[in-house]
Amino acid sequence: MLTRRAFTGAVSCAICAMASEFLATEAAAQATPPAATAGVTRKILSQTDGPTPGYVTLLVEATIESGMTVGRHKHPGIESAYVLEGGFELPIEGQPTRTLKAGDGFQIPPETAHAGGKPGTAKTRVLITYVVEKGKPLASPA
């Protein structure tokens, strides 16, 4: 069960490296999921307008099979995430590459390039919150 403390940690952290491969459609069109990428799945847990006009908030559970990487990309808003299981390396533009494991969380600022780095040796599950500009592609190549 995800405790309030763990959820707060998830909201204050981010891992959008996984997002580009499985959420590369417009945030406003999330009801129609994008085509699947081999080895990467995602489940939209909730979507709501806000927190301010022109933005949408998405809560997503992402699963990446072992050995998979995610290409370099960016988002039109902030991404916050919490690693539920597994791990991987996360290179973020302007920051040292981080090695993430279950229990780690982080944030990636809007329009900041990042990728999936060296893949983990086990399946990875991540809880991700996106607060992005409505009507813009959720992820774009960087």
N, C-alpha and C. Protein backbone atom coordinates (compact mmCIF):
# COMPACT_ATOMS: atom_id res chain seq x y z
N MET A 1 0.84 -1.18 0.00
CA MET A 1 0.00 0.00 0.00
C MET A 1 0.88 1.23 0.00
N LEU A 2 0.52 2.19 -0.81
CA LEU A 2 1.28 3.44 -0.90
C LEU A 2 0.84 4.37 0.22
N THR A 3 1.74 4.66 1.14
CA THR A 3 1.41 5.52 2.27
C THR A 3 1.43 6.98 1.83
N ARG A 4 0.85 7.82 2.65
CA ARG A 4 0.84 9.25 2.35
C ARG A 4 2.25 9.79 2.23
N ARG A 5 3.13 9.32 3.11
CA ARG A 5 4.53 9.75 3.09
C ARG A 5 5.21 9.33 1.79
N ALA A 6 4.99 8.08 1.38
CA ALA A 6 5.59 7.60 0.12
C ALA A 6 5.02 8.36 -1.07
N PHE A 7 3.70 8.65 -1.04
CA PHE A 7 3.10 9.39 -2.14
C PHE A 7 3.66 10.80 -2.21
N THR A 8 3.82 11.44 -1.05
CA THR A 8 4.40 12.78 -1.02
C THR A 8 5.80 12.75 -1.61
N GLY A 9 6.56 11.71 -1.28
CA GLY A 9 7.89 11.57 -1.88
C GLY A 9 7.81 11.41 -3.37
N ALA A 10 6.81 10.68 -3.83
CA ALA A 10 6.65 10.45 -5.27
C ALA A 10 6.33 11.75 -5.98
N VAL A 11 5.49 12.58 -5.36
CA VAL A 11 5.11 13.82 -6.00
C VAL A 11 6.28 14.79 -6.03
N SER A 12 7.20 14.66 -5.07
CA SER A 12 8.32 15.59 -5.03
C SER A 12 9.54 15.07 -5.78
N CYS A 13 9.36 14.01 -6.56
CA CYS A 13 10.46 13.47 -7.33
C CYS A 13 10.02 13.14 -8.75
N ALA A 14 10.99 12.80 -9.67
CA ALA A 14 10.51 12.57 -11.03
C ALA A 14 11.38 11.67 -11.87
N ILE A 15 10.74 10.96 -12.75
CA ILE A 15 11.46 10.08 -13.66
C ILE A 15 10.76 9.99 -14.99
N CYS A 16 10.88 10.99 -15.75
CA CYS A 16 10.19 10.99 -17.02
C CYS A 16 10.98 10.28 -18.09
N ALA A 17 12.13 9.78 -17.78
CA ALA A 17 12.89 9.05 -18.78
C ALA A 17 12.06 7.93 -19.36
N MET A 18 11.19 7.39 -18.58
CA MET A 18 10.37 6.29 -19.08
C MET A 18 9.20 6.78 -19.91
N ALA A 19 8.84 8.00 -19.75
CA ALA A 19 7.60 8.48 -20.34
C ALA A 19 7.63 8.57 -21.85
N SER A 20 8.71 8.99 -22.44
CA SER A 20 8.70 9.24 -23.87
C SER A 20 8.35 8.01 -24.67
N GLU A 21 8.74 6.85 -24.22
CA GLU A 21 8.48 5.64 -24.97
C GLU A 21 7.04 5.17 -24.89
N PHE A 22 6.29 5.59 -23.88
CA PHE A 22 4.94 5.07 -23.74
C PHE A 22 3.88 6.13 -23.52
N LEU A 23 4.27 7.39 -23.48
CA LEU A 23 3.30 8.46 -23.33
C LEU A 23 3.58 9.61 -24.30
N ALA A 24 3.95 9.31 -25.51
CA ALA A 24 4.33 10.33 -26.46
C ALA A 24 3.15 10.86 -27.26
N THR A 25 2.03 11.03 -26.62
CA THR A 25 0.87 11.64 -27.25
C THR A 25 0.55 12.91 -26.51
N GLU A 26 -0.46 13.64 -26.98
CA GLU A 26 -0.84 14.87 -26.30
C GLU A 26 -1.42 14.56 -24.94
N ALA A 27 -1.07 15.37 -23.96
CA ALA A 27 -1.59 15.16 -22.62
C ALA A 27 -3.11 15.22 -22.61
N ALA A 28 -3.68 16.06 -23.42
CA ALA A 28 -5.13 16.20 -23.46
C ALA A 28 -5.80 14.98 -24.07
N ALA A 29 -5.04 14.15 -24.76
CA ALA A 29 -5.61 13.00 -25.44
C ALA A 29 -5.24 11.70 -24.76
N GLN A 30 -4.95 11.72 -23.47
CA GLN A 30 -4.51 10.53 -22.78
C GLN A 30 -5.57 9.44 -22.70
N ALA A 31 -6.83 9.77 -22.94
CA ALA A 31 -7.85 8.73 -22.92
C ALA A 31 -7.61 7.73 -24.05
N THR A 32 -6.92 8.13 -25.09
CA THR A 32 -6.54 7.25 -26.18
C THR A 32 -5.05 6.98 -26.05
N PRO A 33 -4.67 5.83 -25.46
CA PRO A 33 -3.26 5.53 -25.22
C PRO A 33 -2.46 5.44 -26.52
N PRO A 34 -1.19 5.82 -26.49
CA PRO A 34 -0.33 5.69 -27.65
C PRO A 34 0.00 4.22 -27.91
N ALA A 35 0.54 3.97 -29.08
CA ALA A 35 0.93 2.61 -29.42
C ALA A 35 1.97 2.09 -28.43
N ALA A 36 1.90 0.82 -28.14
CA ALA A 36 2.82 0.21 -27.18
C ALA A 36 4.22 0.11 -27.74
N THR A 37 5.20 0.21 -26.88
CA THR A 37 6.60 0.00 -27.22
C THR A 37 7.01 -1.32 -26.59
N ALA A 38 7.68 -2.16 -27.36
CA ALA A 38 8.10 -3.46 -26.84
C ALA A 38 8.87 -3.30 -25.54
N GLY A 39 8.44 -4.02 -24.52
CA GLY A 39 9.15 -4.01 -23.24
C GLY A 39 8.78 -2.88 -22.31
N VAL A 40 7.91 -1.97 -22.76
CA VAL A 40 7.50 -0.83 -21.94
C VAL A 40 5.97 -0.76 -21.94
N THR A 41 5.38 -0.77 -20.75
CA THR A 41 3.93 -0.62 -20.64
C THR A 41 3.62 0.48 -19.65
N ARG A 42 2.42 1.01 -19.76
CA ARG A 42 2.01 2.05 -18.83
C ARG A 42 0.52 1.92 -18.59
N LYS A 43 0.14 2.39 -17.40
CA LYS A 43 -1.26 2.37 -17.02
C LYS A 43 -1.59 3.75 -16.47
N ILE A 44 -2.54 4.43 -17.10
CA ILE A 44 -2.96 5.74 -16.61
C ILE A 44 -3.90 5.50 -15.44
N LEU A 45 -3.50 5.94 -14.26
CA LEU A 45 -4.28 5.74 -13.05
C LEU A 45 -5.32 6.84 -12.85
N SER A 46 -4.96 8.06 -13.23
CA SER A 46 -5.91 9.17 -13.16
C SER A 46 -5.45 10.31 -14.04
N GLN A 47 -6.41 11.15 -14.41
CA GLN A 47 -6.13 12.35 -15.21
C GLN A 47 -7.14 13.40 -14.80
N THR A 48 -6.67 14.63 -14.60
CA THR A 48 -7.57 15.71 -14.22
C THR A 48 -7.04 17.03 -14.76
N ASP A 49 -7.94 17.95 -15.06
CA ASP A 49 -7.52 19.28 -15.47
C ASP A 49 -6.93 20.00 -14.26
N GLY A 50 -5.97 20.89 -14.52
CA GLY A 50 -5.39 21.68 -13.44
C GLY A 50 -3.99 21.22 -13.12
N PRO A 51 -3.33 21.88 -12.23
CA PRO A 51 -3.85 22.67 -11.12
C PRO A 51 -4.26 24.09 -11.48
N THR A 52 -3.88 24.56 -12.65
CA THR A 52 -4.30 25.88 -13.12
C THR A 52 -4.84 25.73 -14.53
N PRO A 53 -5.61 26.70 -15.01
CA PRO A 53 -6.13 26.62 -16.37
C PRO A 53 -4.99 26.42 -17.38
N GLY A 54 -5.22 25.54 -18.36
CA GLY A 54 -4.23 25.28 -19.39
C GLY A 54 -3.28 24.15 -19.07
N TYR A 55 -3.46 23.50 -17.91
CA TYR A 55 -2.60 22.38 -17.51
C TYR A 55 -3.44 21.15 -17.21
N VAL A 56 -2.81 19.99 -17.31
CA VAL A 56 -3.43 18.72 -16.97
C VAL A 56 -2.46 17.94 -16.08
N THR A 57 -3.00 17.19 -15.13
CA THR A 57 -2.20 16.36 -14.24
C THR A 57 -2.52 14.90 -14.51
N LEU A 58 -1.49 14.10 -14.73
CA LEU A 58 -1.63 12.67 -15.00
C LEU A 58 -0.87 11.87 -13.95
N LEU A 59 -1.47 10.80 -13.47
CA LEU A 59 -0.80 9.85 -12.59
C LEU A 59 -0.69 8.55 -13.37
N VAL A 60 0.54 8.05 -13.54
CA VAL A 60 0.81 6.91 -14.42
C VAL A 60 1.69 5.89 -13.70
N GLU A 61 1.38 4.61 -13.88
CA GLU A 61 2.28 3.55 -13.44
C GLU A 61 2.97 3.01 -14.69
N ALA A 62 4.29 3.06 -14.71
CA ALA A 62 5.08 2.60 -15.85
C ALA A 62 5.85 1.35 -15.47
N THR A 63 5.91 0.40 -16.42
CA THR A 63 6.70 -0.82 -16.23
C THR A 63 7.67 -0.94 -17.39
N ILE A 64 8.93 -1.13 -17.07
CA ILE A 64 9.98 -1.32 -18.09
C ILE A 64 10.63 -2.66 -17.82
N GLU A 65 10.60 -3.53 -18.81
CA GLU A 65 11.22 -4.85 -18.68
C GLU A 65 12.74 -4.69 -18.62
N SER A 66 13.41 -5.66 -18.01
CA SER A 66 14.87 -5.58 -17.88
C SER A 66 15.52 -5.48 -19.25
N GLY A 67 16.59 -4.72 -19.33
CA GLY A 67 17.33 -4.57 -20.58
C GLY A 67 16.81 -3.48 -21.50
N MET A 68 15.71 -2.83 -21.17
CA MET A 68 15.15 -1.78 -22.03
C MET A 68 15.74 -0.42 -21.65
N THR A 69 15.90 0.45 -22.64
CA THR A 69 16.31 1.83 -22.40
C THR A 69 15.26 2.75 -23.02
N VAL A 70 15.28 4.00 -22.62
CA VAL A 70 14.34 5.00 -23.14
C VAL A 70 15.14 6.13 -23.75
N GLY A 71 14.76 6.55 -24.96
CA GLY A 71 15.49 7.60 -25.67
C GLY A 71 15.41 8.96 -25.01
N ARG A 72 16.33 9.82 -25.38
CA ARG A 72 16.41 11.19 -24.84
C ARG A 72 15.17 11.97 -25.27
N HIS A 73 14.54 12.65 -24.30
CA HIS A 73 13.32 13.40 -24.57
C HIS A 73 13.10 14.48 -23.52
N LYS A 74 12.03 15.26 -23.68
CA LYS A 74 11.67 16.31 -22.71
C LYS A 74 10.14 16.41 -22.65
N HIS A 75 9.62 17.12 -21.64
CA HIS A 75 8.19 17.28 -21.42
C HIS A 75 7.83 18.75 -21.26
N PRO A 76 6.58 19.13 -21.63
CA PRO A 76 6.14 20.53 -21.50
C PRO A 76 5.60 20.83 -20.10
N GLY A 77 6.23 20.30 -19.09
CA GLY A 77 5.82 20.52 -17.71
C GLY A 77 6.69 19.66 -16.81
N ILE A 78 6.40 19.71 -15.53
CA ILE A 78 7.21 18.98 -14.56
C ILE A 78 6.81 17.51 -14.49
N GLU A 79 7.79 16.68 -14.25
CA GLU A 79 7.56 15.25 -14.05
C GLU A 79 8.12 14.87 -12.69
N SER A 80 7.32 14.17 -11.91
CA SER A 80 7.74 13.70 -10.59
C SER A 80 7.52 12.20 -10.55
N ALA A 81 8.46 11.45 -9.96
CA ALA A 81 8.31 10.00 -9.97
C ALA A 81 8.91 9.35 -8.74
N TYR A 82 8.49 8.11 -8.52
CA TYR A 82 8.94 7.30 -7.40
C TYR A 82 9.16 5.88 -7.93
N VAL A 83 10.34 5.32 -7.73
CA VAL A 83 10.66 3.97 -8.20
C VAL A 83 10.07 2.96 -7.22
N LEU A 84 9.11 2.19 -7.70
CA LEU A 84 8.44 1.19 -6.88
C LEU A 84 9.23 -0.12 -6.81
N GLU A 85 9.88 -0.46 -7.93
CA GLU A 85 10.56 -1.76 -8.05
C GLU A 85 11.65 -1.64 -9.11
N GLY A 86 12.76 -2.34 -8.93
CA GLY A 86 13.83 -2.36 -9.93
C GLY A 86 14.72 -1.13 -9.84
N GLY A 87 15.22 -0.67 -11.00
CA GLY A 87 16.09 0.51 -11.05
C GLY A 87 16.77 0.65 -12.39
N PHE A 88 17.47 1.78 -12.58
CA PHE A 88 18.16 2.09 -13.84
C PHE A 88 18.97 3.36 -13.64
N GLU A 89 19.74 3.74 -14.65
CA GLU A 89 20.47 5.01 -14.62
C GLU A 89 19.63 6.08 -15.29
N LEU A 90 19.69 7.30 -14.75
CA LEU A 90 18.91 8.41 -15.29
C LEU A 90 19.80 9.62 -15.56
N PRO A 91 20.18 9.83 -16.83
CA PRO A 91 20.92 11.04 -17.17
C PRO A 91 19.94 12.19 -17.42
N ILE A 92 20.15 13.32 -16.72
CA ILE A 92 19.34 14.52 -16.87
C ILE A 92 20.27 15.65 -17.27
N GLU A 93 19.90 16.40 -18.31
CA GLU A 93 20.73 17.50 -18.80
C GLU A 93 21.09 18.46 -17.67
N GLY A 94 22.39 18.75 -17.56
CA GLY A 94 22.87 19.69 -16.56
C GLY A 94 23.06 19.11 -15.17
N GLN A 95 22.83 17.80 -15.03
CA GLN A 95 22.99 17.14 -13.74
C GLN A 95 23.82 15.87 -13.92
N PRO A 96 24.47 15.42 -12.87
CA PRO A 96 25.18 14.14 -12.97
C PRO A 96 24.17 13.00 -13.13
N THR A 97 24.57 11.96 -13.85
CA THR A 97 23.72 10.78 -14.01
C THR A 97 23.50 10.14 -12.65
N ARG A 98 22.24 9.78 -12.39
CA ARG A 98 21.88 9.15 -11.12
C ARG A 98 21.56 7.69 -11.36
N THR A 99 21.93 6.84 -10.42
CA THR A 99 21.53 5.43 -10.44
C THR A 99 20.38 5.30 -9.46
N LEU A 100 19.23 4.90 -9.97
CA LEU A 100 18.01 4.83 -9.16
C LEU A 100 17.67 3.40 -8.80
N LYS A 101 17.04 3.24 -7.64
CA LYS A 101 16.61 1.93 -7.17
C LYS A 101 15.26 2.10 -6.49
N ALA A 102 14.62 0.99 -6.16
CA ALA A 102 13.33 1.05 -5.47
C ALA A 102 13.44 1.94 -4.24
N GLY A 103 12.45 2.81 -4.08
CA GLY A 103 12.45 3.73 -2.95
C GLY A 103 12.99 5.11 -3.28
N ASP A 104 13.64 5.26 -4.46
CA ASP A 104 14.17 6.56 -4.86
C ASP A 104 13.11 7.36 -5.61
N GLY A 105 13.20 8.65 -5.49
CA GLY A 105 12.30 9.55 -6.21
C GLY A 105 13.07 10.77 -6.68
N PHE A 106 12.51 11.50 -7.65
CA PHE A 106 13.15 12.70 -8.15
C PHE A 106 12.20 13.48 -9.02
N GLN A 107 12.58 14.72 -9.38
CA GLN A 107 11.81 15.57 -10.29
C GLN A 107 12.69 15.97 -11.45
N ILE A 108 12.03 16.19 -12.58
CA ILE A 108 12.72 16.72 -13.76
C ILE A 108 11.98 17.99 -14.15
N PRO A 109 12.69 19.12 -14.24
CA PRO A 109 12.06 20.39 -14.58
C PRO A 109 11.47 20.38 -15.99
N PRO A 110 10.52 21.26 -16.26
CA PRO A 110 9.94 21.35 -17.60
C PRO A 110 11.02 21.60 -18.67
N GLU A 111 10.80 21.01 -19.84
CA GLU A 111 11.65 21.21 -21.02
C GLU A 111 13.11 20.85 -20.77
N THR A 112 13.38 19.91 -19.88
CA THR A 112 14.74 19.47 -19.58
C THR A 112 14.98 18.10 -20.19
N ALA A 113 15.98 17.99 -21.04
CA ALA A 113 16.28 16.72 -21.72
C ALA A 113 16.76 15.67 -20.72
N HIS A 114 16.30 14.45 -20.92
CA HIS A 114 16.71 13.32 -20.08
C HIS A 114 16.45 12.03 -20.87
N ALA A 115 16.95 10.91 -20.34
CA ALA A 115 16.82 9.64 -21.05
C ALA A 115 16.75 8.49 -20.05
N GLY A 116 16.78 7.26 -20.58
CA GLY A 116 16.68 6.08 -19.74
C GLY A 116 18.00 5.49 -19.33
N GLY A 117 19.10 5.95 -19.94
CA GLY A 117 20.41 5.48 -19.52
C GLY A 117 20.60 3.98 -19.58
N LYS A 118 21.60 3.50 -18.85
CA LYS A 118 21.90 2.07 -18.79
C LYS A 118 20.71 1.34 -18.18
N PRO A 119 20.23 0.29 -18.84
CA PRO A 119 19.05 -0.41 -18.33
C PRO A 119 19.37 -1.22 -17.08
N GLY A 120 18.33 -1.45 -16.31
CA GLY A 120 18.47 -2.28 -15.13
C GLY A 120 18.49 -3.75 -15.48
N THR A 121 18.81 -4.58 -14.53
CA THR A 121 18.88 -6.03 -14.76
C THR A 121 17.59 -6.73 -14.36
N ALA A 122 16.62 -5.97 -13.88
CA ALA A 122 15.32 -6.53 -13.50
C ALA A 122 14.22 -5.58 -13.96
N LYS A 123 13.01 -6.07 -13.96
CA LYS A 123 11.86 -5.23 -14.31
C LYS A 123 11.81 -4.03 -13.39
N THR A 124 11.43 -2.88 -13.95
CA THR A 124 11.32 -1.65 -13.18
C THR A 124 9.88 -1.15 -13.25
N ARG A 125 9.35 -0.76 -12.09
CA ARG A 125 8.02 -0.12 -12.03
C ARG A 125 8.18 1.24 -11.38
N VAL A 126 7.53 2.24 -11.97
CA VAL A 126 7.66 3.61 -11.51
C VAL A 126 6.29 4.26 -11.45
N LEU A 127 6.03 5.02 -10.39
CA LEU A 127 4.82 5.82 -10.28
C LEU A 127 5.20 7.24 -10.68
N ILE A 128 4.52 7.78 -11.71
CA ILE A 128 4.90 9.08 -12.27
C ILE A 128 3.72 10.03 -12.22
N THR A 129 3.98 11.28 -11.82
CA THR A 129 3.00 12.35 -11.90
C THR A 129 3.52 13.40 -12.87
N TYR A 130 2.70 13.72 -13.86
CA TYR A 130 3.02 14.78 -14.82
C TYR A 130 2.06 15.93 -14.60
N VAL A 131 2.59 17.15 -14.57
CA VAL A 131 1.77 18.36 -14.62
C VAL A 131 2.28 19.10 -15.85
N VAL A 132 1.51 19.01 -16.94
CA VAL A 132 1.98 19.49 -18.23
C VAL A 132 0.96 20.40 -18.90
N GLU A 133 1.45 21.19 -19.86
CA GLU A 133 0.58 22.08 -20.61
C GLU A 133 -0.40 21.26 -21.44
N LYS A 134 -1.66 21.59 -21.32
CA LYS A 134 -2.73 20.90 -22.03
C LYS A 134 -2.59 21.15 -23.53
N GLY A 135 -2.81 20.11 -24.32
CA GLY A 135 -2.80 20.25 -25.77
C GLY A 135 -1.44 20.12 -26.41
N LYS A 136 -0.38 20.05 -25.63
CA LYS A 136 0.97 19.85 -26.18
C LYS A 136 1.33 18.39 -26.07
N PRO A 137 2.21 17.89 -26.97
CA PRO A 137 2.65 16.49 -26.84
C PRO A 137 3.28 16.29 -25.46
N LEU A 138 2.95 15.17 -24.84
CA LEU A 138 3.49 14.89 -23.50
C LEU A 138 5.00 14.75 -23.54
N ALA A 139 5.53 14.16 -24.58
CA ALA A 139 6.98 14.00 -24.71
C ALA A 139 7.38 14.31 -26.14
N SER A 140 8.57 14.90 -26.28
CA SER A 140 9.13 15.17 -27.60
C SER A 140 10.62 14.88 -27.56
N PRO A 141 11.20 14.49 -28.71
CA PRO A 141 12.64 14.19 -28.74
C PRO A 141 13.46 15.40 -28.32
N ALA A 142 14.57 15.14 -27.69
CA ALA A 142 15.45 16.24 -27.25
C ALA A 142 16.85 16.06 -27.81
